[in-house]
């Protein structure tokens, strides 16, 4: 058994330093998707960006506001956010606690 758990100590700055991120698929395991934990402190926001892959975020803890192509929504634990290919998107930590989410992305045909 291999259990992956997010820790700030193993995470690295990503998206121009606007979030901390680390892989959550265990080393040596091949997955048909890219993946990362995303983490940010309260009051922070990830830089807006886009890419040609399909992506989902699964909010683990904290509260946030996600923006996908100008559409905004409040999100919290258990929410799954669908981010279509080439959509501008960002997420901000909107509550009093840090925001932690799992991101998965894959190529679309």
PDB file of N, CA and C in Angstrom:
ATOM      1  N   UNK A   1       0.858  -1.176   0.000  1.00  0.00           N
ATOM      2  CA  UNK A   1       0.000   0.000   0.000  1.00  0.00           C
ATOM      3  C   UNK A   1       0.899   1.233   0.000  1.00  0.00           C
ATOM      4  N   UNK A   2       0.485   2.233  -0.759  1.00  0.00           N
ATOM      5  CA  UNK A   2       1.208   3.504  -0.828  1.00  0.00           C
ATOM      6  C   UNK A   2       0.197   4.620  -0.624  1.00  0.00           C
ATOM      7  N   UNK A   3       0.354   5.392   0.414  1.00  0.00           N
ATOM      8  CA  UNK A   3      -0.576   6.482   0.698  1.00  0.00           C
ATOM      9  C   UNK A   3       0.130   7.802   0.442  1.00  0.00           C
ATOM     10  N   UNK A   4      -0.443   8.616  -0.410  1.00  0.00           N
ATOM     11  CA  UNK A   4       0.093   9.940  -0.699  1.00  0.00           C
ATOM     12  C   UNK A   4      -0.676  10.958   0.133  1.00  0.00           C
ATOM     13  N   UNK A   5       0.026  11.837   0.768  1.00  0.00           N
ATOM     14  CA  UNK A   5      -0.600  12.873   1.585  1.00  0.00           C
ATOM     15  C   UNK A   5       0.090  14.192   1.281  1.00  0.00           C
ATOM     16  N   UNK A   6      -0.691  15.244   1.122  1.00  0.00           N
ATOM     17  CA  UNK A   6      -0.096  16.556   0.872  1.00  0.00           C
ATOM     18  C   UNK A   6       0.619  17.049   2.122  1.00  0.00           C
ATOM     19  N   UNK A   7       1.830  17.534   1.937  1.00  0.00           N
ATOM     20  CA  UNK A   7       2.542  18.254   2.986  1.00  0.00           C
ATOM     21  C   UNK A   7       3.190  19.482   2.362  1.00  0.00           C
ATOM     22  N   UNK A   8       3.151  20.570   3.073  1.00  0.00           N
ATOM     23  CA  UNK A   8       3.768  21.805   2.569  1.00  0.00           C
ATOM     24  C   UNK A   8       5.271  21.626   2.373  1.00  0.00           C
ATOM     25  N   UNK A   9       5.897  20.788   3.173  1.00  0.00           N
ATOM     26  CA  UNK A   9       7.340  20.594   3.094  1.00  0.00           C
ATOM     27  C   UNK A   9       7.776  19.960   1.765  1.00  0.00           C
ATOM     28  N   UNK A  10       6.944  19.125   1.173  1.00  0.00           N
ATOM     29  CA  UNK A  10       7.287  18.479  -0.110  1.00  0.00           C
ATOM     30  C   UNK A  10       6.803  19.271  -1.305  1.00  0.00           C
ATOM     31  N   UNK A  11       5.962  20.249  -1.083  1.00  0.00           N
ATOM     32  CA  UNK A  11       5.383  21.026  -2.187  1.00  0.00           C
ATOM     33  C   UNK A  11       6.389  22.064  -2.709  1.00  0.00           C
ATOM     34  N   UNK A  12       6.179  22.453  -3.954  1.00  0.00           N
ATOM     35  CA  UNK A  12       7.019  23.462  -4.596  1.00  0.00           C
ATOM     36  C   UNK A  12       6.140  24.550  -5.178  1.00  0.00           C
ATOM     37  N   UNK A  13       6.701  25.721  -5.316  1.00  0.00           N
ATOM     38  CA  UNK A  13       5.966  26.831  -5.925  1.00  0.00           C
ATOM     39  C   UNK A  13       5.615  26.482  -7.374  1.00  0.00           C
ATOM     40  N   UNK A  14       4.402  26.833  -7.769  1.00  0.00           N
ATOM     41  CA  UNK A  14       3.928  26.603  -9.137  1.00  0.00           C
ATOM     42  C   UNK A  14       3.103  27.808  -9.577  1.00  0.00           C
ATOM     43  N   UNK A  15       2.812  27.871 -10.863  1.00  0.00           N
ATOM     44  CA  UNK A  15       2.039  28.982 -11.427  1.00  0.00           C
ATOM     45  C   UNK A  15       2.614  30.325 -10.976  1.00  0.00           C
ATOM     46  N   UNK A  16       3.901  30.496 -11.292  1.00  0.00           N
ATOM     47  CA  UNK A  16       4.621  31.732 -10.950  1.00  0.00           C
ATOM     48  C   UNK A  16       4.565  32.050  -9.466  1.00  0.00           C
ATOM     49  N   UNK A  17       4.615  31.011  -8.653  1.00  0.00           N
ATOM     50  CA  UNK A  17       4.667  31.197  -7.212  1.00  0.00           C
ATOM     51  C   UNK A  17       3.353  31.522  -6.554  1.00  0.00           C
ATOM     52  N   UNK A  18       2.236  31.404  -7.283  1.00  0.00           N
ATOM     53  CA  UNK A  18       0.941  31.747  -6.701  1.00  0.00           C
ATOM     54  C   UNK A  18       0.310  30.601  -5.911  1.00  0.00           C
ATOM     55  N   UNK A  19       0.814  29.373  -6.102  1.00  0.00           N
ATOM     56  CA  UNK A  19       0.335  28.222  -5.322  1.00  0.00           C
ATOM     57  C   UNK A  19       1.526  27.336  -4.960  1.00  0.00           C
ATOM     58  N   UNK A  20       1.294  26.397  -4.047  1.00  0.00           N
ATOM     59  CA  UNK A  20       2.216  25.300  -3.817  1.00  0.00           C
ATOM     60  C   UNK A  20       1.600  24.060  -4.449  1.00  0.00           C
ATOM     61  N   UNK A  21       2.426  23.199  -5.040  1.00  0.00           N
ATOM     62  CA  UNK A  21       1.914  22.008  -5.707  1.00  0.00           C
ATOM     63  C   UNK A  21       2.873  20.845  -5.506  1.00  0.00           C
ATOM     64  N   UNK A  22       2.314  19.649  -5.512  1.00  0.00           N
ATOM     65  CA  UNK A  22       3.116  18.431  -5.500  1.00  0.00           C
ATOM     66  C   UNK A  22       2.303  17.304  -6.115  1.00  0.00           C
ATOM     67  N   UNK A  23       2.999  16.358  -6.709  1.00  0.00           N
ATOM     68  CA  UNK A  23       2.327  15.226  -7.353  1.00  0.00           C
ATOM     69  C   UNK A  23       1.611  14.381  -6.315  1.00  0.00           C
ATOM     70  N   UNK A  24       0.489  13.783  -6.690  1.00  0.00           N
ATOM     71  CA  UNK A  24      -0.159  12.866  -5.753  1.00  0.00           C
ATOM     72  C   UNK A  24      -0.219  11.436  -6.259  1.00  0.00           C
ATOM     73  N   UNK A  25       0.126  11.194  -7.511  1.00  0.00           N
ATOM     74  CA  UNK A  25       0.245   9.811  -7.980  1.00  0.00           C
ATOM     75  C   UNK A  25       1.624   9.331  -7.535  1.00  0.00           C
ATOM     76  N   UNK A  26       1.699   8.190  -6.858  1.00  0.00           N
ATOM     77  CA  UNK A  26       2.986   7.711  -6.337  1.00  0.00           C
ATOM     78  C   UNK A  26       4.046   7.552  -7.431  1.00  0.00           C
ATOM     79  N   UNK A  27       5.304   7.849  -7.070  1.00  0.00           N
ATOM     80  CA  UNK A  27       6.410   7.659  -8.001  1.00  0.00           C
ATOM     81  C   UNK A  27       6.437   6.219  -8.475  1.00  0.00           C
ATOM     82  N   UNK A  28       6.738   6.033  -9.761  1.00  0.00           N
ATOM     83  CA  UNK A  28       6.804   4.694 -10.326  1.00  0.00           C
ATOM     84  C   UNK A  28       5.473   4.187 -10.845  1.00  0.00           C
ATOM     85  N   UNK A  29       4.374   4.855 -10.507  1.00  0.00           N
ATOM     86  CA  UNK A  29       3.065   4.449 -10.995  1.00  0.00           C
ATOM     87  C   UNK A  29       2.761   5.241 -12.271  1.00  0.00           C
ATOM     88  N   UNK A  30       2.287   4.557 -13.276  1.00  0.00           N
ATOM     89  CA  UNK A  30       1.915   5.212 -14.520  1.00  0.00           C
ATOM     90  C   UNK A  30       0.418   5.465 -14.512  1.00  0.00           C
ATOM     91  N   UNK A  31       0.041   6.725 -14.698  1.00  0.00           N
ATOM     92  CA  UNK A  31      -1.382   7.092 -14.739  1.00  0.00           C
ATOM     93  C   UNK A  31      -1.684   7.707 -16.108  1.00  0.00           C
ATOM     94  N   UNK A  32      -2.909   7.553 -16.586  1.00  0.00           N
ATOM     95  CA  UNK A  32      -3.280   8.122 -17.889  1.00  0.00           C
ATOM     96  C   UNK A  32      -3.639   9.608 -17.805  1.00  0.00           C
ATOM     97  N   UNK A  33      -3.190  10.276 -16.749  1.00  0.00           N
ATOM     98  CA  UNK A  33      -3.496  11.687 -16.548  1.00  0.00           C
ATOM     99  C   UNK A  33      -2.377  12.323 -15.729  1.00  0.00           C
ATOM    100  N   UNK A  34      -2.249  13.627 -15.841  1.00  0.00           N
ATOM    101  CA  UNK A  34      -1.354  14.371 -14.966  1.00  0.00           C
ATOM    102  C   UNK A  34      -2.105  14.702 -13.694  1.00  0.00           C
ATOM    103  N   UNK A  35      -1.355  14.919 -12.612  1.00  0.00           N
ATOM    104  CA  UNK A  35      -2.036  15.188 -11.354  1.00  0.00           C
ATOM    105  C   UNK A  35      -1.148  16.002 -10.427  1.00  0.00           C
ATOM    106  N   UNK A  36      -1.789  16.736  -9.551  1.00  0.00           N
ATOM    107  CA  UNK A  36      -1.058  17.494  -8.534  1.00  0.00           C
ATOM    108  C   UNK A  36      -2.008  17.923  -7.430  1.00  0.00           C
ATOM    109  N   UNK A  37      -1.452  18.006  -6.217  1.00  0.00           N
ATOM    110  CA  UNK A  37      -2.131  18.713  -5.143  1.00  0.00           C
ATOM    111  C   UNK A  37      -1.934  20.191  -5.428  1.00  0.00           C
ATOM    112  N   UNK A  38      -2.927  21.004  -5.149  1.00  0.00           N
ATOM    113  CA  UNK A  38      -2.789  22.454  -5.192  1.00  0.00           C
ATOM    114  C   UNK A  38      -3.107  22.999  -3.816  1.00  0.00           C
ATOM    115  N   UNK A  39      -2.329  23.977  -3.362  1.00  0.00           N
ATOM    116  CA  UNK A  39      -2.495  24.511  -2.016  1.00  0.00           C
ATOM    117  C   UNK A  39      -2.221  26.001  -2.028  1.00  0.00           C
ATOM    118  N   UNK A  40      -3.038  26.740  -1.284  1.00  0.00           N
ATOM    119  CA  UNK A  40      -2.746  28.162  -1.104  1.00  0.00           C
ATOM    120  C   UNK A  40      -3.297  28.652   0.215  1.00  0.00           C
ATOM    121  N   UNK A  41      -2.639  29.668   0.714  1.00  0.00           N
ATOM    122  CA  UNK A  41      -3.020  30.291   1.974  1.00  0.00           C
ATOM    123  C   UNK A  41      -4.252  31.177   1.769  1.00  0.00           C
ATOM    124  N   UNK A  42      -4.996  31.457   2.834  1.00  0.00           N
ATOM    125  CA  UNK A  42      -6.176  32.328   2.737  1.00  0.00           C
ATOM    126  C   UNK A  42      -5.827  33.682   2.120  1.00  0.00           C
ATOM    127  N   UNK A  43      -6.738  34.169   1.293  1.00  0.00           N
ATOM    128  CA  UNK A  43      -6.567  35.473   0.673  1.00  0.00           C
ATOM    129  C   UNK A  43      -5.709  35.479  -0.576  1.00  0.00           C
ATOM    130  N   UNK A  44      -5.143  34.345  -0.961  1.00  0.00           N
ATOM    131  CA  UNK A  44      -4.286  34.246  -2.146  1.00  0.00           C
ATOM    132  C   UNK A  44      -5.091  33.740  -3.335  1.00  0.00           C
ATOM    133  N   UNK A  45      -4.554  33.968  -4.533  1.00  0.00           N
ATOM    134  CA  UNK A  45      -5.200  33.503  -5.766  1.00  0.00           C
ATOM    135  C   UNK A  45      -4.145  32.965  -6.732  1.00  0.00           C
ATOM    136  N   UNK A  46      -4.504  31.926  -7.447  1.00  0.00           N
ATOM    137  CA  UNK A  46      -3.635  31.350  -8.470  1.00  0.00           C
ATOM    138  C   UNK A  46      -3.680  32.237  -9.704  1.00  0.00           C
ATOM    139  N   UNK A  47      -2.559  32.359 -10.383  1.00  0.00           N
ATOM    140  CA  UNK A  47      -2.556  33.128 -11.618  1.00  0.00           C
ATOM    141  C   UNK A  47      -3.539  32.492 -12.610  1.00  0.00           C
ATOM    142  N   UNK A  48      -4.239  33.313 -13.362  1.00  0.00           N
ATOM    143  CA  UNK A  48      -5.136  32.801 -14.405  1.00  0.00           C
ATOM    144  C   UNK A  48      -4.278  32.207 -15.521  1.00  0.00           C
ATOM    145  N   UNK A  49      -4.736  31.102 -16.076  1.00  0.00           N
ATOM    146  CA  UNK A  49      -3.996  30.452 -17.148  1.00  0.00           C
ATOM    147  C   UNK A  49      -4.938  29.587 -17.983  1.00  0.00           C
ATOM    148  N   UNK A  50      -4.412  29.047 -19.051  1.00  0.00           N
ATOM    149  CA  UNK A  50      -5.172  28.140 -19.927  1.00  0.00           C
ATOM    150  C   UNK A  50      -4.216  27.115 -20.509  1.00  0.00           C
ATOM    151  N   UNK A  51      -4.756  25.978 -20.914  1.00  0.00           N
ATOM    152  CA  UNK A  51      -3.962  24.934 -21.560  1.00  0.00           C
ATOM    153  C   UNK A  51      -4.917  24.050 -22.365  1.00  0.00           C
ATOM    154  N   UNK A  52      -4.379  23.262 -23.285  1.00  0.00           N
ATOM    155  CA  UNK A  52      -5.242  22.484 -24.189  1.00  0.00           C
ATOM    156  C   UNK A  52      -5.802  21.195 -23.590  1.00  0.00           C
ATOM    157  N   UNK A  53      -5.554  20.933 -22.317  1.00  0.00           N
ATOM    158  CA  UNK A  53      -6.030  19.694 -21.702  1.00  0.00           C
ATOM    159  C   UNK A  53      -7.339  19.903 -20.955  1.00  0.00           C
ATOM    160  N   UNK A  54      -8.097  18.833 -20.841  1.00  0.00           N
ATOM    161  CA  UNK A  54      -9.275  18.792 -19.970  1.00  0.00           C
ATOM    162  C   UNK A  54      -8.753  18.703 -18.551  1.00  0.00           C
ATOM    163  N   UNK A  55      -9.425  19.338 -17.586  1.00  0.00           N
ATOM    164  CA  UNK A  55      -8.937  19.314 -16.214  1.00  0.00           C
ATOM    165  C   UNK A  55     -10.111  19.310 -15.245  1.00  0.00           C
ATOM    166  N   UNK A  56      -9.916  18.676 -14.103  1.00  0.00           N
ATOM    167  CA  UNK A  56     -10.867  18.806 -13.001  1.00  0.00           C
ATOM    168  C   UNK A  56     -10.097  19.142 -11.732  1.00  0.00           C
ATOM    169  N   UNK A  57     -10.743  19.894 -10.865  1.00  0.00           N
ATOM    170  CA  UNK A  57     -10.258  20.136  -9.516  1.00  0.00           C
ATOM    171  C   UNK A  57     -11.251  19.476  -8.564  1.00  0.00           C
ATOM    172  N   UNK A  58     -10.751  18.811  -7.551  1.00  0.00           N
ATOM    173  CA  UNK A  58     -11.582  18.259  -6.486  1.00  0.00           C
ATOM    174  C   UNK A  58     -11.152  18.967  -5.202  1.00  0.00           C
ATOM    175  N   UNK A  59     -12.041  19.761  -4.639  1.00  0.00           N
ATOM    176  CA  UNK A  59     -11.700  20.520  -3.432  1.00  0.00           C
ATOM    177  C   UNK A  59     -11.690  19.564  -2.243  1.00  0.00           C
ATOM    178  N   UNK A  60     -10.580  19.570  -1.513  1.00  0.00           N
ATOM    179  CA  UNK A  60     -10.403  18.693  -0.364  1.00  0.00           C
ATOM    180  C   UNK A  60     -10.760  19.424   0.931  1.00  0.00           C
ATOM    181  N   UNK A  61     -10.219  20.630   1.099  1.00  0.00           N
ATOM    182  CA  UNK A  61     -10.503  21.399   2.313  1.00  0.00           C
ATOM    183  C   UNK A  61     -10.379  22.890   2.028  1.00  0.00           C
ATOM    184  N   UNK A  62     -11.040  23.673   2.852  1.00  0.00           N
ATOM    185  CA  UNK A  62     -11.043  25.117   2.675  1.00  0.00           C
ATOM    186  C   UNK A  62     -12.188  25.569   1.790  1.00  0.00           C
ATOM    187  N   UNK A  63     -12.267  26.851   1.607  1.00  0.00           N
ATOM    188  CA  UNK A  63     -13.290  27.471   0.757  1.00  0.00           C
ATOM    189  C   UNK A  63     -12.592  28.315  -0.290  1.00  0.00           C
ATOM    190  N   UNK A  64     -13.221  28.429  -1.459  1.00  0.00           N
ATOM    191  CA  UNK A  64     -12.611  29.214  -2.518  1.00  0.00           C
ATOM    192  C   UNK A  64     -13.633  29.766  -3.482  1.00  0.00           C
ATOM    193  N   UNK A  65     -13.113  30.530  -4.416  1.00  0.00           N
ATOM    194  CA  UNK A  65     -13.899  31.032  -5.544  1.00  0.00           C
ATOM    195  C   UNK A  65     -13.140  30.633  -6.799  1.00  0.00           C
ATOM    196  N   UNK A  66     -13.807  29.888  -7.666  1.00  0.00           N
ATOM    197  CA  UNK A  66     -13.197  29.466  -8.919  1.00  0.00           C
ATOM    198  C   UNK A  66     -13.790  30.293 -10.051  1.00  0.00           C
ATOM    199  N   UNK A  67     -12.944  30.650 -11.013  1.00  0.00           N
ATOM    200  CA  UNK A  67     -13.382  31.370 -12.204  1.00  0.00           C
ATOM    201  C   UNK A  67     -12.949  30.574 -13.421  1.00  0.00           C
ATOM    202  N   UNK A  68     -13.909  30.253 -14.285  1.00  0.00           N
ATOM    203  CA  UNK A  68     -13.645  29.548 -15.538  1.00  0.00           C
ATOM    204  C   UNK A  68     -14.312  30.349 -16.639  1.00  0.00           C
ATOM    205  N   UNK A  69     -13.483  30.929 -17.523  1.00  0.00           N
ATOM    206  CA  UNK A  69     -13.995  31.769 -18.619  1.00  0.00           C
ATOM    207  C   UNK A  69     -15.038  32.778 -18.137  1.00  0.00           C
ATOM    208  N   UNK A  70     -14.713  33.570 -17.170  1.00  0.00           N
ATOM    209  CA  UNK A  70     -15.546  34.653 -16.638  1.00  0.00           C
ATOM    210  C   UNK A  70     -16.725  34.199 -15.783  1.00  0.00           C
ATOM    211  N   UNK A  71     -16.954  32.894 -15.670  1.00  0.00           N
ATOM    212  CA  UNK A  71     -18.020  32.388 -14.800  1.00  0.00           C
ATOM    213  C   UNK A  71     -17.416  32.072 -13.436  1.00  0.00           C
ATOM    214  N   UNK A  72     -18.016  32.604 -12.373  1.00  0.00           N
ATOM    215  CA  UNK A  72     -17.492  32.415 -11.023  1.00  0.00           C
ATOM    216  C   UNK A  72     -18.441  31.583 -10.172  1.00  0.00           C
ATOM    217  N   UNK A  73     -17.852  30.818  -9.239  1.00  0.00           N
ATOM    218  CA  UNK A  73     -18.658  30.044  -8.300  1.00  0.00           C
ATOM    219  C   UNK A  73     -17.868  29.841  -7.015  1.00  0.00           C
ATOM    220  N   UNK A  74     -18.579  29.832  -5.901  1.00  0.00           N
ATOM    221  CA  UNK A  74     -17.967  29.483  -4.623  1.00  0.00           C
ATOM    222  C   UNK A  74     -17.865  27.972  -4.552  1.00  0.00           C
ATOM    223  N   UNK A  75     -16.750  27.488  -3.985  1.00  0.00           N
ATOM    224  CA  UNK A  75     -16.529  26.051  -3.892  1.00  0.00           C
ATOM    225  C   UNK A  75     -16.030  25.684  -2.500  1.00  0.00           C
ATOM    226  N   UNK A  76     -16.256  24.426  -2.140  1.00  0.00           N
ATOM    227  CA  UNK A  76     -15.818  23.920  -0.850  1.00  0.00           C
ATOM    228  C   UNK A  76     -15.574  22.425  -0.925  1.00  0.00           C
ATOM    229  N   UNK A  77     -15.272  21.803   0.200  1.00  0.00           N
ATOM    230  CA  UNK A  77     -14.928  20.382   0.237  1.00  0.00           C
ATOM    231  C   UNK A  77     -15.960  19.504  -0.471  1.00  0.00           C
ATOM    232  N   UNK A  78     -15.435  18.617  -1.323  1.00  0.00           N
ATOM    233  CA  UNK A  78     -16.290  17.702  -2.068  1.00  0.00           C
ATOM    234  C   UNK A  78     -16.715  18.200  -3.428  1.00  0.00           C
ATOM    235  N   UNK A  79     -16.515  19.485  -3.712  1.00  0.00           N
ATOM    236  CA  UNK A  79     -16.900  20.018  -5.023  1.00  0.00           C
ATOM    237  C   UNK A  79     -15.896  19.592  -6.088  1.00  0.00           C
ATOM    238  N   UNK A  80     -16.418  19.265  -7.276  1.00  0.00           N
ATOM    239  CA  UNK A  80     -15.600  18.901  -8.432  1.00  0.00           C
ATOM    240  C   UNK A  80     -15.838  19.960  -9.500  1.00  0.00           C
ATOM    241  N   UNK A  81     -14.766  20.579  -9.965  1.00  0.00           N
ATOM    242  CA  UNK A  81     -14.851  21.664 -10.933  1.00  0.00           C
ATOM    243  C   UNK A  81     -14.359  21.157 -12.279  1.00  0.00           C
ATOM    244  N   UNK A  82     -15.186  21.276 -13.295  1.00  0.00           N
ATOM    245  CA  UNK A  82     -14.862  20.870 -14.669  1.00  0.00           C
ATOM    246  C   UNK A  82     -14.261  22.076 -15.390  1.00  0.00           C
ATOM    247  N   UNK A  83     -13.049  21.916 -15.898  1.00  0.00           N
ATOM    248  CA  UNK A  83     -12.379  22.990 -16.623  1.00  0.00           C
ATOM    249  C   UNK A  83     -12.130  22.502 -18.048  1.00  0.00           C
ATOM    250  N   UNK A  84     -12.891  23.020 -19.007  1.00  0.00           N
ATOM    251  CA  UNK A  84     -12.737  22.573 -20.397  1.00  0.00           C
ATOM    252  C   UNK A  84     -11.382  22.968 -20.984  1.00  0.00           C
ATOM    253  N   UNK A  85     -10.952  22.279 -22.023  1.00  0.00           N
ATOM    254  CA  UNK A  85      -9.708  22.644 -22.689  1.00  0.00           C
ATOM    255  C   UNK A  85      -9.741  24.114 -23.149  1.00  0.00           C
ATOM    256  N   UNK A  86      -8.604  24.773 -23.042  1.00  0.00           N
ATOM    257  CA  UNK A  86      -8.405  26.156 -23.495  1.00  0.00           C
ATOM    258  C   UNK A  86      -9.243  27.200 -22.757  1.00  0.00           C
ATOM    259  N   UNK A  87      -9.823  26.846 -21.624  1.00  0.00           N
ATOM    260  CA  UNK A  87     -10.599  27.813 -20.836  1.00  0.00           C
ATOM    261  C   UNK A  87      -9.658  28.552 -19.882  1.00  0.00           C
ATOM    262  N   UNK A  88      -9.784  29.870 -19.827  1.00  0.00           N
ATOM    263  CA  UNK A  88      -9.066  30.643 -18.807  1.00  0.00           C
ATOM    264  C   UNK A  88      -9.618  30.231 -17.456  1.00  0.00           C
ATOM    265  N   UNK A  89      -8.742  29.955 -16.486  1.00  0.00           N
ATOM    266  CA  UNK A  89      -9.238  29.561 -15.173  1.00  0.00           C
ATOM    267  C   UNK A  89      -8.273  29.951 -14.069  1.00  0.00           C
ATOM    268  N   UNK A  90      -8.862  30.156 -12.891  1.00  0.00           N
ATOM    269  CA  UNK A  90      -8.117  30.470 -11.681  1.00  0.00           C
ATOM    270  C   UNK A  90      -8.955  30.048 -10.482  1.00  0.00           C
ATOM    271  N   UNK A  91      -8.311  29.981  -9.336  1.00  0.00           N
ATOM    272  CA  UNK A  91      -9.011  29.696  -8.095  1.00  0.00           C
ATOM    273  C   UNK A  91      -8.373  30.553  -7.008  1.00  0.00           C
ATOM    274  N   UNK A  92      -9.199  31.002  -6.070  1.00  0.00           N
ATOM    275  CA  UNK A  92      -8.724  31.835  -4.968  1.00  0.00           C
ATOM    276  C   UNK A  92      -9.210  31.249  -3.652  1.00  0.00           C
ATOM    277  N   UNK A  93      -8.373  31.331  -2.636  1.00  0.00           N
ATOM    278  CA  UNK A  93      -8.748  30.880  -1.295  1.00  0.00           C
ATOM    279  C   UNK A  93      -9.562  31.984  -0.643  1.00  0.00           C
ATOM    280  N   UNK A  94     -10.838  31.707  -0.375  1.00  0.00           N
ATOM    281  CA  UNK A  94     -11.757  32.759   0.068  1.00  0.00           C
ATOM    282  C   UNK A  94     -12.166  32.645   1.526  1.00  0.00           C
ATOM    283  N   UNK A  95     -11.784  31.592   2.196  1.00  0.00           N
ATOM    284  CA  UNK A  95     -12.190  31.418   3.588  1.00  0.00           C
ATOM    285  C   UNK A  95     -11.061  31.727   4.549  1.00  0.00           C
ATOM    286  N   UNK A  96     -11.279  31.433   5.818  1.00  0.00           N
ATOM    287  CA  UNK A  96     -10.257  31.699   6.825  1.00  0.00           C
ATOM    288  C   UNK A  96      -9.153  30.632   6.875  1.00  0.00           C
ATOM    289  N   UNK A  97      -9.359  29.520   6.169  1.00  0.00           N
ATOM    290  CA  UNK A  97      -8.404  28.409   6.186  1.00  0.00           C
ATOM    291  C   UNK A  97      -7.730  28.255   4.828  1.00  0.00           C
ATOM    292  N   UNK A  98      -6.580  27.588   4.777  1.00  0.00           N
ATOM    293  CA  UNK A  98      -5.949  27.304   3.484  1.00  0.00           C
ATOM    294  C   UNK A  98      -6.877  26.487   2.592  1.00  0.00           C
ATOM    295  N   UNK A  99      -6.666  26.593   1.299  1.00  0.00           N
ATOM    296  CA  UNK A  99      -7.433  25.847   0.296  1.00  0.00           C
ATOM    297  C   UNK A  99      -6.548  24.731  -0.242  1.00  0.00           C
ATOM    298  N   UNK A 100      -7.065  23.499  -0.231  1.00  0.00           N
ATOM    299  CA  UNK A 100      -6.354  22.339  -0.762  1.00  0.00           C
ATOM    300  C   UNK A 100      -7.256  21.644  -1.762  1.00  0.00           C
ATOM    301  N   UNK A 101      -6.719  21.350  -2.941  1.00  0.00           N
ATOM    302  CA  UNK A 101      -7.484  20.650  -3.966  1.00  0.00           C
ATOM    303  C   UNK A 101      -6.571  19.679  -4.698  1.00  0.00           C
ATOM    304  N   UNK A 102      -7.202  18.701  -5.348  1.00  0.00           N
ATOM    305  CA  UNK A 102      -6.504  17.768  -6.222  1.00  0.00           C
ATOM    306  C   UNK A 102      -6.870  18.132  -7.649  1.00  0.00           C
ATOM    307  N   UNK A 103      -5.855  18.258  -8.490  1.00  0.00           N
ATOM    308  CA  UNK A 103      -6.076  18.575  -9.910  1.00  0.00           C
ATOM    309  C   UNK A 103      -5.665  17.369 -10.751  1.00  0.00           C
ATOM    310  N   UNK A 104      -6.470  17.052 -11.753  1.00  0.00           N
ATOM    311  CA  UNK A 104      -6.154  15.998 -12.712  1.00  0.00           C
ATOM    312  C   UNK A 104      -6.430  16.526 -14.102  1.00  0.00           C
ATOM    313  N   UNK A 105      -5.536  16.251 -15.038  1.00  0.00           N
ATOM    314  CA  UNK A 105      -5.696  16.732 -16.406  1.00  0.00           C
ATOM    315  C   UNK A 105      -5.262  15.659 -17.399  1.00  0.00           C
ATOM    316  N   UNK A 106      -5.841  15.722 -18.602  1.00  0.00           N
ATOM    317  CA  UNK A 106      -5.550  14.730 -19.636  1.00  0.00           C
ATOM    318  C   UNK A 106      -5.850  15.335 -20.997  1.00  0.00           C
ATOM    319  N   UNK A 107      -5.214  14.733 -21.995  1.00  0.00           N
ATOM    320  CA  UNK A 107      -5.403  15.149 -23.386  1.00  0.00           C
ATOM    321  C   UNK A 107      -6.798  14.734 -23.861  1.00  0.00           C
ATOM    322  N   UNK A 108      -7.406  15.560 -24.679  1.00  0.00           N
ATOM    323  CA  UNK A 108      -8.689  15.213 -25.282  1.00  0.00           C
ATOM    324  C   UNK A 108      -8.479  14.954 -26.755  1.00  0.00           C
ATOM    325  N   UNK A 109      -9.282  14.074 -27.295  1.00  0.00           N
ATOM    326  CA  UNK A 109      -9.149  13.725 -28.722  1.00  0.00           C
ATOM    327  C   UNK A 109     -10.234  14.368 -29.536  1.00  0.00           C
TER     328      UNK A 109
END
